[in-house]
């Protein structure tokens, strides 16, 4: 018995992966979201609040705040990430919100959502995490043991927690 060798001529299509145009080690095929800028690629560090997605993850840090031993970052995708000490549950970011601003006190954090409602979490010894009303506010702030919401059109502010009035 003889072995047969059968050759077939089939049309062959060749695919060439795009080049790494900016020389950062990534191509569009490899997940680079801007292959004309060498500062933008999947392993690039994010630069806070520059509205550029350096690492191609779809989200750019918009704001960062620091408490005494915890830190939180708000991303332009409306999410919040906190890290550090969690002794007072200050890392337990509420789920389900689309956040537009954050503020941190010593051991608590507050966030303003897209509907201009405030939510706070963490230490509540002085009531700083329990707003008497949720809003509407145009901006928020936090002191070491207090929080504040600012009403629109200069209609005043509302402070909760250990608030001190200075005249």
Protein backbone atom coordinates (compact mmCIF):
# COMPACT_ATOMS: atom_id res chain seq x y z
CA UNK A 1 0.00 0.00 0.00
CA UNK A 2 1.25 3.39 -0.88
CA UNK A 3 0.73 6.59 1.04
CA UNK A 4 -0.80 9.39 -0.92
CA UNK A 5 -0.03 13.03 -0.57
CA UNK A 6 -2.90 15.25 -1.61
CA UNK A 7 -2.27 18.91 -2.14
CA UNK A 8 -5.07 21.36 -2.47
CA UNK A 9 -4.90 24.90 -3.68
CA UNK A 10 -7.27 27.00 -1.60
CA UNK A 11 -7.52 30.76 -1.56
CA UNK A 12 -5.81 32.07 1.54
CA UNK A 13 -6.65 35.34 3.23
CA UNK A 14 -4.03 36.91 5.40
CA UNK A 15 -4.81 39.11 8.35
CA UNK A 16 -2.20 41.55 9.46
CA UNK A 17 -2.55 42.97 12.93
CA UNK A 18 -2.38 46.75 13.08
CA UNK A 19 0.99 48.20 13.94
CA UNK A 20 1.78 49.86 17.22
CA UNK A 21 1.68 53.36 15.73
CA UNK A 22 2.69 55.26 18.86
CA UNK A 23 5.32 52.79 20.12
CA UNK A 24 3.75 52.20 23.54
CA UNK A 25 3.71 48.41 23.17
CA UNK A 26 -0.03 48.19 22.47
CA UNK A 27 -1.99 48.27 19.23
CA UNK A 28 -5.69 48.87 18.67
CA UNK A 29 -6.04 45.09 18.28
CA UNK A 30 -4.36 44.66 21.69
CA UNK A 31 -6.78 46.98 23.49
CA UNK A 32 -5.13 50.36 22.98
CA UNK A 33 -7.93 52.94 22.94
CA UNK A 34 -5.77 55.64 21.31
CA UNK A 35 -2.90 54.36 19.22
CA UNK A 36 -1.80 57.86 18.27
CA UNK A 37 -0.89 58.92 21.83
CA UNK A 38 1.88 56.95 23.62
CA UNK A 39 0.59 58.12 27.04
CA UNK A 40 -2.68 56.23 26.53
CA UNK A 41 -2.67 52.42 26.68
CA UNK A 42 -4.10 49.62 28.89
CA UNK A 43 -1.24 49.80 31.44
CA UNK A 44 -0.96 53.59 31.68
CA UNK A 45 -1.46 55.30 35.06
CA UNK A 46 -4.58 57.45 35.34
CA UNK A 47 -4.14 61.20 35.82
CA UNK A 48 -6.85 62.53 38.09
CA UNK A 49 -9.52 64.86 36.70
CA UNK A 50 -7.98 65.40 33.25
CA UNK A 51 -11.00 63.77 31.54
CA UNK A 52 -8.71 61.39 29.62
CA UNK A 53 -9.02 57.64 30.04
CA UNK A 54 -5.29 56.84 30.13
CA UNK A 55 -5.68 53.12 30.89
CA UNK A 56 -8.53 52.40 28.44
CA UNK A 57 -10.86 51.03 31.12
CA UNK A 58 -13.74 53.34 30.26
CA UNK A 59 -13.45 55.42 33.41
CA UNK A 60 -11.23 58.30 34.51
CA UNK A 61 -10.85 59.58 38.09
CA UNK A 62 -12.86 62.78 38.48
CA UNK A 63 -12.31 63.58 42.18
CA UNK A 64 -10.35 62.16 45.11
CA UNK A 65 -10.88 62.91 48.79
CA UNK A 66 -9.01 61.92 51.94
CA UNK A 67 -10.24 61.25 55.45
CA UNK A 68 -7.79 60.60 58.28
CA UNK A 69 -7.08 56.99 57.33
CA UNK A 70 -9.27 56.38 54.28
CA UNK A 71 -9.32 57.64 50.72
CA UNK A 72 -12.07 57.66 48.09
CA UNK A 73 -12.06 58.31 44.37
CA UNK A 74 -15.06 59.25 42.26
CA UNK A 75 -14.79 58.13 38.64
CA UNK A 76 -16.41 59.87 35.70
CA UNK A 77 -18.51 56.73 35.22
CA UNK A 78 -20.37 57.68 38.44
CA UNK A 79 -18.78 55.02 40.65
CA UNK A 80 -16.84 55.44 43.89
CA UNK A 81 -13.98 53.34 45.21
CA UNK A 82 -12.66 53.70 48.78
CA UNK A 83 -9.66 52.10 50.48
CA UNK A 84 -7.73 52.34 53.73
CA UNK A 85 -8.97 51.89 57.29
CA UNK A 86 -12.54 50.60 57.65
CA UNK A 87 -12.94 50.84 61.45
CA UNK A 88 -16.08 52.97 61.04
CA UNK A 89 -17.37 51.36 57.80
CA UNK A 90 -16.02 54.32 55.85
CA UNK A 91 -15.16 52.00 52.93
CA UNK A 92 -18.71 50.66 52.60
CA UNK A 93 -19.81 52.69 49.56
CA UNK A 94 -23.58 52.37 49.01
CA UNK A 95 -24.48 50.51 45.83
CA UNK A 96 -26.79 51.58 43.07
CA UNK A 97 -25.99 55.28 42.91
CA UNK A 98 -24.64 57.34 40.05
CA UNK A 99 -22.46 59.78 41.97
CA UNK A 100 -21.33 63.25 40.86
CA UNK A 101 -19.42 64.58 43.92
CA UNK A 102 -17.82 63.24 47.10
CA UNK A 103 -16.61 64.77 50.37
CA UNK A 104 -14.74 63.12 53.24
CA UNK A 105 -14.54 63.91 56.93
CA UNK A 106 -12.25 62.23 59.41
CA UNK A 107 -14.02 58.87 59.40
CA UNK A 108 -17.00 59.38 57.10
CA UNK A 109 -17.74 60.12 53.46
CA UNK A 110 -20.70 61.72 51.72
CA UNK A 111 -21.66 61.52 48.07
CA UNK A 112 -24.04 63.56 45.93
CA UNK A 113 -25.94 61.62 43.30
CA UNK A 114 -27.17 62.69 39.89
CA UNK A 115 -30.57 63.58 41.41
CA UNK A 116 -28.80 65.97 43.85
CA UNK A 117 -29.49 63.76 46.87
CA UNK A 118 -26.78 63.19 49.48
CA UNK A 119 -25.88 59.85 51.04
CA UNK A 120 -23.28 59.46 53.79
CA UNK A 121 -21.57 56.45 55.34
CA UNK A 122 -18.97 55.77 58.02
CA UNK A 123 -18.71 57.20 61.54
CA UNK A 124 -21.96 58.76 62.76
CA UNK A 125 -21.06 59.58 66.39
CA UNK A 126 -21.99 63.25 65.90
CA UNK A 127 -24.70 62.65 63.27
CA UNK A 128 -22.33 63.53 60.42
CA UNK A 129 -23.51 60.55 58.34
CA UNK A 130 -27.23 61.18 58.93
CA UNK A 131 -28.43 64.13 56.83
CA UNK A 132 -31.78 65.47 58.13
CA UNK A 133 -32.93 65.76 54.51
CA UNK A 134 -31.35 64.19 51.45
CA UNK A 135 -31.53 67.31 49.29
CA UNK A 136 -31.74 68.64 46.75
CA UNK A 137 -28.23 70.07 46.98
CA UNK A 138 -25.95 71.48 44.30
CA UNK A 139 -22.77 70.64 46.20
CA UNK A 140 -21.63 69.04 49.43
CA UNK A 141 -18.74 69.32 51.85
CA UNK A 142 -17.45 67.64 54.98
CA UNK A 143 -15.53 68.65 58.07
CA UNK A 144 -13.87 66.30 60.54
CA UNK A 145 -17.16 65.48 62.29
CA UNK A 146 -19.75 67.31 60.18
CA UNK A 147 -21.23 67.43 56.71
CA UNK A 148 -22.88 70.20 54.72
CA UNK A 149 -25.15 70.45 51.71
CA UNK A 150 -25.43 73.66 49.70
CA UNK A 151 -28.81 74.54 48.20
CA UNK A 152 -29.07 76.02 44.72
CA UNK A 153 -29.48 79.72 43.94
CA UNK A 154 -27.84 80.86 47.18
CA UNK A 155 -30.71 79.47 49.23
CA UNK A 156 -28.34 78.65 52.06
CA UNK A 157 -26.66 75.56 53.39
CA UNK A 158 -27.64 72.78 55.74
CA UNK A 159 -25.08 71.41 58.20
CA UNK A 160 -25.39 68.19 60.20
CA UNK A 161 -23.10 66.55 62.73
CA UNK A 162 -20.79 68.60 64.96
CA UNK A 163 -21.46 71.94 63.25
CA UNK A 164 -20.12 75.15 64.70
CA UNK A 165 -21.32 78.57 63.59
CA UNK A 166 -18.66 81.23 63.18
CA UNK A 167 -19.76 84.84 62.76
